[in-house]
Amino acid sequence: MSTGAKIALAVLAVVVIAAGIYMIDIDQTAEGNLPEYDAEVGSVDVTSEEQTVTLPDVDVTTEETTVTVPDVTVTPPSE
């Protein structure tokens, strides 16, 4: 995983935790064996728009080659 992907994942985790802490207000309305709760939640609006960005043009070539790889044989114990 690249450094940029790790940073993006960390930022996403922080946003989810922040949303859980600041966007939800839960109040217990009754006590007992099965208490009732009222929850007031915030809202999130997700929109999209087109943007022009500069991307690198990468050409990847592959070639077939022979390499030695390990071969693992598992023999379970006899009963």
PDB file of N, CA and C in Angstrom:
ATOM      1  N   MET A   1       0.854  -1.168   0.000  1.00  0.00           N
ATOM      2  CA  MET A   1       0.000   0.000   0.000  1.00  0.00           C
ATOM      3  C   MET A   1       0.898   1.228   0.000  1.00  0.00           C
ATOM      4  N   SER A   2       0.611   2.161  -0.853  1.00  0.00           N
ATOM      5  CA  SER A   2       1.449   3.348  -0.974  1.00  0.00           C
ATOM      6  C   SER A   2       1.194   4.312   0.185  1.00  0.00           C
ATOM      7  N   THR A   3       2.109   5.235   0.355  1.00  0.00           N
ATOM      8  CA  THR A   3       1.996   6.216   1.438  1.00  0.00           C
ATOM      9  C   THR A   3       0.750   7.069   1.272  1.00  0.00           C
ATOM     10  N   GLY A   4       0.443   7.446   0.039  1.00  0.00           N
ATOM     11  CA  GLY A   4      -0.761   8.252  -0.204  1.00  0.00           C
ATOM     12  C   GLY A   4      -2.026   7.511   0.174  1.00  0.00           C
ATOM     13  N   ALA A   5      -2.069   6.219  -0.117  1.00  0.00           N
ATOM     14  CA  ALA A   5      -3.244   5.422   0.236  1.00  0.00           C
ATOM     15  C   ALA A   5      -3.361   5.279   1.746  1.00  0.00           C
ATOM     16  N   LYS A   6      -2.238   5.127   2.435  1.00  0.00           N
ATOM     17  CA  LYS A   6      -2.262   5.037   3.905  1.00  0.00           C
ATOM     18  C   LYS A   6      -2.769   6.340   4.514  1.00  0.00           C
ATOM     19  N   ILE A   7      -2.314   7.446   3.980  1.00  0.00           N
ATOM     20  CA  ILE A   7      -2.750   8.751   4.491  1.00  0.00           C
ATOM     21  C   ILE A   7      -4.245   8.939   4.239  1.00  0.00           C
ATOM     22  N   ALA A   8      -4.708   8.572   3.042  1.00  0.00           N
ATOM     23  CA  ALA A   8      -6.126   8.700   2.719  1.00  0.00           C
ATOM     24  C   ALA A   8      -6.964   7.822   3.636  1.00  0.00           C
ATOM     25  N   LEU A   9      -6.504   6.617   3.933  1.00  0.00           N
ATOM     26  CA  LEU A   9      -7.223   5.715   4.831  1.00  0.00           C
ATOM     27  C   LEU A   9      -7.272   6.274   6.249  1.00  0.00           C
ATOM     28  N   ALA A  10      -6.172   6.867   6.696  1.00  0.00           N
ATOM     29  CA  ALA A  10      -6.132   7.473   8.026  1.00  0.00           C
ATOM     30  C   ALA A  10      -7.083   8.668   8.110  1.00  0.00           C
ATOM     31  N   VAL A  11      -7.109   9.487   7.076  1.00  0.00           N
ATOM     32  CA  VAL A  11      -8.013  10.646   7.053  1.00  0.00           C
ATOM     33  C   VAL A  11      -9.468  10.176   7.059  1.00  0.00           C
ATOM     34  N   LEU A  12      -9.764   9.137   6.287  1.00  0.00           N
ATOM     35  CA  LEU A  12     -11.119   8.586   6.269  1.00  0.00           C
ATOM     36  C   LEU A  12     -11.520   8.072   7.649  1.00  0.00           C
ATOM     37  N   ALA A  13     -10.606   7.407   8.338  1.00  0.00           N
ATOM     38  CA  ALA A  13     -10.896   6.905   9.681  1.00  0.00           C
ATOM     39  C   ALA A  13     -11.187   8.060  10.637  1.00  0.00           C
ATOM     40  N   VAL A  14     -10.418   9.123  10.546  1.00  0.00           N
ATOM     41  CA  VAL A  14     -10.634  10.290  11.408  1.00  0.00           C
ATOM     42  C   VAL A  14     -11.994  10.925  11.123  1.00  0.00           C
ATOM     43  N   VAL A  15     -12.367  11.021   9.856  1.00  0.00           N
ATOM     44  CA  VAL A  15     -13.663  11.605   9.491  1.00  0.00           C
ATOM     45  C   VAL A  15     -14.805  10.750  10.032  1.00  0.00           C
ATOM     46  N   VAL A  16     -14.694   9.440   9.920  1.00  0.00           N
ATOM     47  CA  VAL A  16     -15.751   8.553  10.422  1.00  0.00           C
ATOM     48  C   VAL A  16     -15.874   8.672  11.935  1.00  0.00           C
ATOM     49  N   ILE A  17     -14.753   8.713  12.633  1.00  0.00           N
ATOM     50  CA  ILE A  17     -14.787   8.850  14.089  1.00  0.00           C
ATOM     51  C   ILE A  17     -15.375  10.203  14.481  1.00  0.00           C
ATOM     52  N   ALA A  18     -14.968  11.254  13.780  1.00  0.00           N
ATOM     53  CA  ALA A  18     -15.497  12.593  14.077  1.00  0.00           C
ATOM     54  C   ALA A  18     -17.001  12.646  13.831  1.00  0.00           C
ATOM     55  N   ALA A  19     -17.457  12.006  12.764  1.00  0.00           N
ATOM     56  CA  ALA A  19     -18.898  11.979  12.488  1.00  0.00           C
ATOM     57  C   ALA A  19     -19.629  11.248  13.595  1.00  0.00           C
ATOM     58  N   GLY A  20     -19.059  10.175  14.085  1.00  0.00           N
ATOM     59  CA  GLY A  20     -19.693   9.429  15.158  1.00  0.00           C
ATOM     60  C   GLY A  20     -19.761  10.215  16.452  1.00  0.00           C
ATOM     61  N   ILE A  21     -18.773  11.061  16.696  1.00  0.00           N
ATOM     62  CA  ILE A  21     -18.741  11.828  17.942  1.00  0.00           C
ATOM     63  C   ILE A  21     -19.593  13.095  17.853  1.00  0.00           C
ATOM     64  N   TYR A  22     -19.480  13.836  16.764  1.00  0.00           N
ATOM     65  CA  TYR A  22     -20.097  15.153  16.685  1.00  0.00           C
ATOM     66  C   TYR A  22     -21.444  15.188  15.966  1.00  0.00           C
ATOM     67  N   MET A  23     -21.769  14.195  15.179  1.00  0.00           N
ATOM     68  CA  MET A  23     -22.993  14.261  14.384  1.00  0.00           C
ATOM     69  C   MET A  23     -24.153  13.472  14.997  1.00  0.00           C
ATOM     70  N   ILE A  24     -23.912  12.732  16.082  1.00  0.00           N
ATOM     71  CA  ILE A  24     -24.976  11.935  16.677  1.00  0.00           C
ATOM     72  C   ILE A  24     -25.126  12.322  18.137  1.00  0.00           C
ATOM     73  N   ASP A  25     -26.343  12.646  18.531  1.00  0.00           N
ATOM     74  CA  ASP A  25     -26.657  12.986  19.916  1.00  0.00           C
ATOM     75  C   ASP A  25     -27.694  11.986  20.405  1.00  0.00           C
ATOM     76  N   ILE A  26     -27.309  11.112  21.326  1.00  0.00           N
ATOM     77  CA  ILE A  26     -28.213  10.076  21.828  1.00  0.00           C
ATOM     78  C   ILE A  26     -28.550  10.388  23.273  1.00  0.00           C
ATOM     79  N   ASP A  27     -29.845  10.429  23.575  1.00  0.00           N
ATOM     80  CA  ASP A  27     -30.331  10.671  24.925  1.00  0.00           C
ATOM     81  C   ASP A  27     -31.171   9.491  25.375  1.00  0.00           C
ATOM     82  N   GLN A  28     -30.895   9.004  26.604  1.00  0.00           N
ATOM     83  CA  GLN A  28     -31.699   7.927  27.161  1.00  0.00           C
ATOM     84  C   GLN A  28     -32.985   8.539  27.699  1.00  0.00           C
ATOM     85  N   THR A  29     -34.132   8.004  27.247  1.00  0.00           N
ATOM     86  CA  THR A  29     -35.410   8.591  27.642  1.00  0.00           C
ATOM     87  C   THR A  29     -36.101   7.804  28.741  1.00  0.00           C
ATOM     88  N   ALA A  30     -35.761   6.566  28.949  1.00  0.00           N
ATOM     89  CA  ALA A  30     -36.383   5.766  30.003  1.00  0.00           C
ATOM     90  C   ALA A  30     -35.382   4.737  30.494  1.00  0.00           C
ATOM     91  N   GLU A  31     -35.421   4.472  31.813  1.00  0.00           N
ATOM     92  CA  GLU A  31     -34.542   3.466  32.372  1.00  0.00           C
ATOM     93  C   GLU A  31     -35.334   2.204  32.655  1.00  0.00           C
ATOM     94  N   GLY A  32     -34.659   1.090  32.689  1.00  0.00           N
ATOM     95  CA  GLY A  32     -35.325  -0.179  32.948  1.00  0.00           C
ATOM     96  C   GLY A  32     -34.616  -1.292  32.232  1.00  0.00           C
ATOM     97  N   ASN A  33     -35.289  -2.389  32.059  1.00  0.00           N
ATOM     98  CA  ASN A  33     -34.666  -3.527  31.389  1.00  0.00           C
ATOM     99  C   ASN A  33     -34.349  -3.222  29.930  1.00  0.00           C
ATOM    100  N   LEU A  34     -35.272  -2.589  29.232  1.00  0.00           N
ATOM    101  CA  LEU A  34     -35.052  -2.215  27.832  1.00  0.00           C
ATOM    102  C   LEU A  34     -35.268  -0.712  27.700  1.00  0.00           C
ATOM    103  N   PRO A  35     -34.243   0.095  27.987  1.00  0.00           N
ATOM    104  CA  PRO A  35     -34.421   1.555  27.911  1.00  0.00           C
ATOM    105  C   PRO A  35     -34.652   2.017  26.477  1.00  0.00           C
ATOM    106  N   GLU A  36     -35.343   3.141  26.356  1.00  0.00           N
ATOM    107  CA  GLU A  36     -35.585   3.739  25.049  1.00  0.00           C
ATOM    108  C   GLU A  36     -34.598   4.879  24.843  1.00  0.00           C
ATOM    109  N   TYR A  37     -34.232   5.114  23.593  1.00  0.00           N
ATOM    110  CA  TYR A  37     -33.287   6.171  23.262  1.00  0.00           C
ATOM    111  C   TYR A  37     -33.851   7.031  22.141  1.00  0.00           C
ATOM    112  N   ASP A  38     -33.593   8.314  22.213  1.00  0.00           N
ATOM    113  CA  ASP A  38     -33.874   9.240  21.124  1.00  0.00           C
ATOM    114  C   ASP A  38     -32.527   9.651  20.541  1.00  0.00           C
ATOM    115  N   ALA A  39     -32.417   9.604  19.248  1.00  0.00           N
ATOM    116  CA  ALA A  39     -31.165   9.988  18.598  1.00  0.00           C
ATOM    117  C   ALA A  39     -31.442  11.102  17.597  1.00  0.00           C
ATOM    118  N   GLU A  40     -30.689  12.189  17.726  1.00  0.00           N
ATOM    119  CA  GLU A  40     -30.749  13.275  16.765  1.00  0.00           C
ATOM    120  C   GLU A  40     -29.453  13.220  15.969  1.00  0.00           C
ATOM    121  N   VAL A  41     -29.569  13.051  14.677  1.00  0.00           N
ATOM    122  CA  VAL A  41     -28.374  12.899  13.851  1.00  0.00           C
ATOM    123  C   VAL A  41     -28.247  14.074  12.895  1.00  0.00           C
ATOM    124  N   GLY A  42     -27.028  14.382  12.546  1.00  0.00           N
ATOM    125  CA  GLY A  42     -26.765  15.431  11.567  1.00  0.00           C
ATOM    126  C   GLY A  42     -26.995  14.900  10.167  1.00  0.00           C
ATOM    127  N   SER A  43     -26.723  15.706   9.185  1.00  0.00           N
ATOM    128  CA  SER A  43     -26.903  15.269   7.806  1.00  0.00           C
ATOM    129  C   SER A  43     -25.623  15.533   7.019  1.00  0.00           C
ATOM    130  N   VAL A  44     -25.435  14.739   6.003  1.00  0.00           N
ATOM    131  CA  VAL A  44     -24.281  14.878   5.127  1.00  0.00           C
ATOM    132  C   VAL A  44     -24.793  14.942   3.697  1.00  0.00           C
ATOM    133  N   ASP A  45     -24.398  15.963   2.972  1.00  0.00           N
ATOM    134  CA  ASP A  45     -24.770  16.095   1.573  1.00  0.00           C
ATOM    135  C   ASP A  45     -23.545  15.794   0.719  1.00  0.00           C
ATOM    136  N   VAL A  46     -23.700  14.869  -0.209  1.00  0.00           N
ATOM    137  CA  VAL A  46     -22.604  14.501  -1.104  1.00  0.00           C
ATOM    138  C   VAL A  46     -23.018  14.893  -2.517  1.00  0.00           C
ATOM    139  N   THR A  47     -22.186  15.706  -3.149  1.00  0.00           N
ATOM    140  CA  THR A  47     -22.449  16.130  -4.513  1.00  0.00           C
ATOM    141  C   THR A  47     -21.223  15.812  -5.363  1.00  0.00           C
ATOM    142  N   SER A  48     -21.372  15.956  -6.648  1.00  0.00           N
ATOM    143  CA  SER A  48     -20.227  15.745  -7.530  1.00  0.00           C
ATOM    144  C   SER A  48     -20.202  16.851  -8.575  1.00  0.00           C
ATOM    145  N   GLU A  49     -19.019  17.139  -9.026  1.00  0.00           N
ATOM    146  CA  GLU A  49     -18.852  18.123 -10.081  1.00  0.00           C
ATOM    147  C   GLU A  49     -17.648  17.704 -10.914  1.00  0.00           C
ATOM    148  N   GLU A  50     -17.632  18.093 -12.157  1.00  0.00           N
ATOM    149  CA  GLU A  50     -16.527  17.746 -13.032  1.00  0.00           C
ATOM    150  C   GLU A  50     -15.408  18.763 -12.879  1.00  0.00           C
ATOM    151  N   GLN A  51     -14.190  18.258 -12.754  1.00  0.00           N
ATOM    152  CA  GLN A  51     -13.006  19.098 -12.657  1.00  0.00           C
ATOM    153  C   GLN A  51     -11.992  18.595 -13.676  1.00  0.00           C
ATOM    154  N   THR A  52     -11.184  19.479 -14.186  1.00  0.00           N
ATOM    155  CA  THR A  52     -10.111  19.102 -15.093  1.00  0.00           C
ATOM    156  C   THR A  52      -8.826  19.018 -14.288  1.00  0.00           C
ATOM    157  N   VAL A  53      -8.200  17.845 -14.335  1.00  0.00           N
ATOM    158  CA  VAL A  53      -6.955  17.641 -13.605  1.00  0.00           C
ATOM    159  C   VAL A  53      -5.898  17.100 -14.562  1.00  0.00           C
ATOM    160  N   THR A  54      -4.644  17.311 -14.213  1.00  0.00           N
ATOM    161  CA  THR A  54      -3.541  16.814 -15.011  1.00  0.00           C
ATOM    162  C   THR A  54      -3.115  15.459 -14.464  1.00  0.00           C
ATOM    163  N   LEU A  55      -3.113  14.449 -15.325  1.00  0.00           N
ATOM    164  CA  LEU A  55      -2.720  13.113 -14.926  1.00  0.00           C
ATOM    165  C   LEU A  55      -1.521  12.673 -15.747  1.00  0.00           C
ATOM    166  N   PRO A  56      -0.638  11.869 -15.153  1.00  0.00           N
ATOM    167  CA  PRO A  56       0.492  11.377 -15.936  1.00  0.00           C
ATOM    168  C   PRO A  56       0.040  10.291 -16.900  1.00  0.00           C
ATOM    169  N   ASP A  57       0.693  10.230 -18.059  1.00  0.00           N
ATOM    170  CA  ASP A  57       0.426   9.185 -19.039  1.00  0.00           C
ATOM    171  C   ASP A  57       1.496   8.118 -18.842  1.00  0.00           C
ATOM    172  N   VAL A  58       1.094   6.968 -18.310  1.00  0.00           N
ATOM    173  CA  VAL A  58       2.033   5.912 -17.972  1.00  0.00           C
ATOM    174  C   VAL A  58       1.775   4.718 -18.874  1.00  0.00           C
ATOM    175  N   ASP A  59       2.815   4.261 -19.538  1.00  0.00           N
ATOM    176  CA  ASP A  59       2.734   3.063 -20.360  1.00  0.00           C
ATOM    177  C   ASP A  59       3.487   1.946 -19.646  1.00  0.00           C
ATOM    178  N   VAL A  60       2.808   0.826 -19.418  1.00  0.00           N
ATOM    179  CA  VAL A  60       3.405  -0.307 -18.720  1.00  0.00           C
ATOM    180  C   VAL A  60       3.546  -1.456 -19.707  1.00  0.00           C
ATOM    181  N   THR A  61       4.738  -2.000 -19.777  1.00  0.00           N
ATOM    182  CA  THR A  61       4.959  -3.166 -20.627  1.00  0.00           C
ATOM    183  C   THR A  61       5.305  -4.347 -19.732  1.00  0.00           C
ATOM    184  N   THR A  62       4.907  -5.529 -20.152  1.00  0.00           N
ATOM    185  CA  THR A  62       5.215  -6.729 -19.391  1.00  0.00           C
ATOM    186  C   THR A  62       5.930  -7.718 -20.286  1.00  0.00           C
ATOM    187  N   GLU A  63       6.698  -8.565 -19.669  1.00  0.00           N
ATOM    188  CA  GLU A  63       7.361  -9.629 -20.396  1.00  0.00           C
ATOM    189  C   GLU A  63       7.301 -10.887 -19.541  1.00  0.00           C
ATOM    190  N   GLU A  64       7.288 -12.011 -20.185  1.00  0.00           N
ATOM    191  CA  GLU A  64       7.201 -13.275 -19.485  1.00  0.00           C
ATOM    192  C   GLU A  64       8.607 -13.785 -19.209  1.00  0.00           C
ATOM    193  N   THR A  65       8.834 -14.208 -17.959  1.00  0.00           N
ATOM    194  CA  THR A  65      10.133 -14.739 -17.577  1.00  0.00           C
ATOM    195  C   THR A  65       9.922 -15.915 -16.627  1.00  0.00           C
ATOM    196  N   THR A  66      10.922 -16.735 -16.467  1.00  0.00           N
ATOM    197  CA  THR A  66      10.833 -17.899 -15.589  1.00  0.00           C
ATOM    198  C   THR A  66      11.585 -17.607 -14.301  1.00  0.00           C
ATOM    199  N   VAL A  67      10.903 -17.832 -13.165  1.00  0.00           N
ATOM    200  CA  VAL A  67      11.516 -17.633 -11.860  1.00  0.00           C
ATOM    201  C   VAL A  67      11.282 -18.885 -11.026  1.00  0.00           C
ATOM    202  N   THR A  68      12.120 -19.095 -10.030  1.00  0.00           N
ATOM    203  CA  THR A  68      11.968 -20.225  -9.131  1.00  0.00           C
ATOM    204  C   THR A  68      11.129 -19.786  -7.938  1.00  0.00           C
ATOM    205  N   VAL A  69      10.072 -20.525  -7.669  1.00  0.00           N
ATOM    206  CA  VAL A  69       9.192 -20.212  -6.547  1.00  0.00           C
ATOM    207  C   VAL A  69       9.167 -21.404  -5.604  1.00  0.00           C
ATOM    208  N   PRO A  70       8.923 -21.186  -4.331  1.00  0.00           N
ATOM    209  CA  PRO A  70       8.904 -22.308  -3.392  1.00  0.00           C
ATOM    210  C   PRO A  70       7.685 -23.203  -3.617  1.00  0.00           C
ATOM    211  N   ASP A  71       7.870 -24.478  -3.351  1.00  0.00           N
ATOM    212  CA  ASP A  71       6.790 -25.449  -3.446  1.00  0.00           C
ATOM    213  C   ASP A  71       6.593 -26.030  -2.055  1.00  0.00           C
ATOM    214  N   VAL A  72       5.408 -25.879  -1.495  1.00  0.00           N
ATOM    215  CA  VAL A  72       5.126 -26.336  -0.144  1.00  0.00           C
ATOM    216  C   VAL A  72       4.179 -27.519  -0.204  1.00  0.00           C
ATOM    217  N   THR A  73       4.577 -28.605   0.437  1.00  0.00           N
ATOM    218  CA  THR A  73       3.727 -29.803   0.526  1.00  0.00           C
ATOM    219  C   THR A  73       3.405 -30.024   1.994  1.00  0.00           C
ATOM    220  N   VAL A  74       2.119 -30.114   2.306  1.00  0.00           N
ATOM    221  CA  VAL A  74       1.677 -30.327   3.691  1.00  0.00           C
ATOM    222  C   VAL A  74       1.112 -31.731   3.792  1.00  0.00           C
ATOM    223  N   THR A  75       1.652 -32.509   4.723  1.00  0.00           N
ATOM    224  CA  THR A  75       1.167 -33.857   4.960  1.00  0.00           C
ATOM    225  C   THR A  75       0.637 -33.901   6.396  1.00  0.00           C
ATOM    226  N   PRO A  76      -0.701 -34.051   6.550  1.00  0.00           N
ATOM    227  CA  PRO A  76      -1.246 -34.095   7.908  1.00  0.00           C
ATOM    228  C   PRO A  76      -0.851 -35.393   8.602  1.00  0.00           C
ATOM    229  N   PRO A  77      -0.782 -35.363   9.925  1.00  0.00           N
ATOM    230  CA  PRO A  77      -0.421 -36.587  10.648  1.00  0.00           C
ATOM    231  C   PRO A  77      -1.478 -37.662  10.466  1.00  0.00           C
ATOM    232  N   SER A  78      -1.029 -38.900  10.416  1.00  0.00           N
ATOM    233  CA  SER A  78      -1.988 -39.998  10.277  1.00  0.00           C
ATOM    234  C   SER A  78      -2.617 -40.272  11.629  1.00  0.00           C
ATOM    235  N   GLU A  79      -3.855 -40.727  11.605  1.00  0.00           N
ATOM    236  CA  GLU A  79      -4.574 -40.963  12.865  1.00  0.00           C
ATOM    237  C   GLU A  79      -4.383 -42.368  13.335  1.00  0.00           C
TER     238      GLU A  79
END
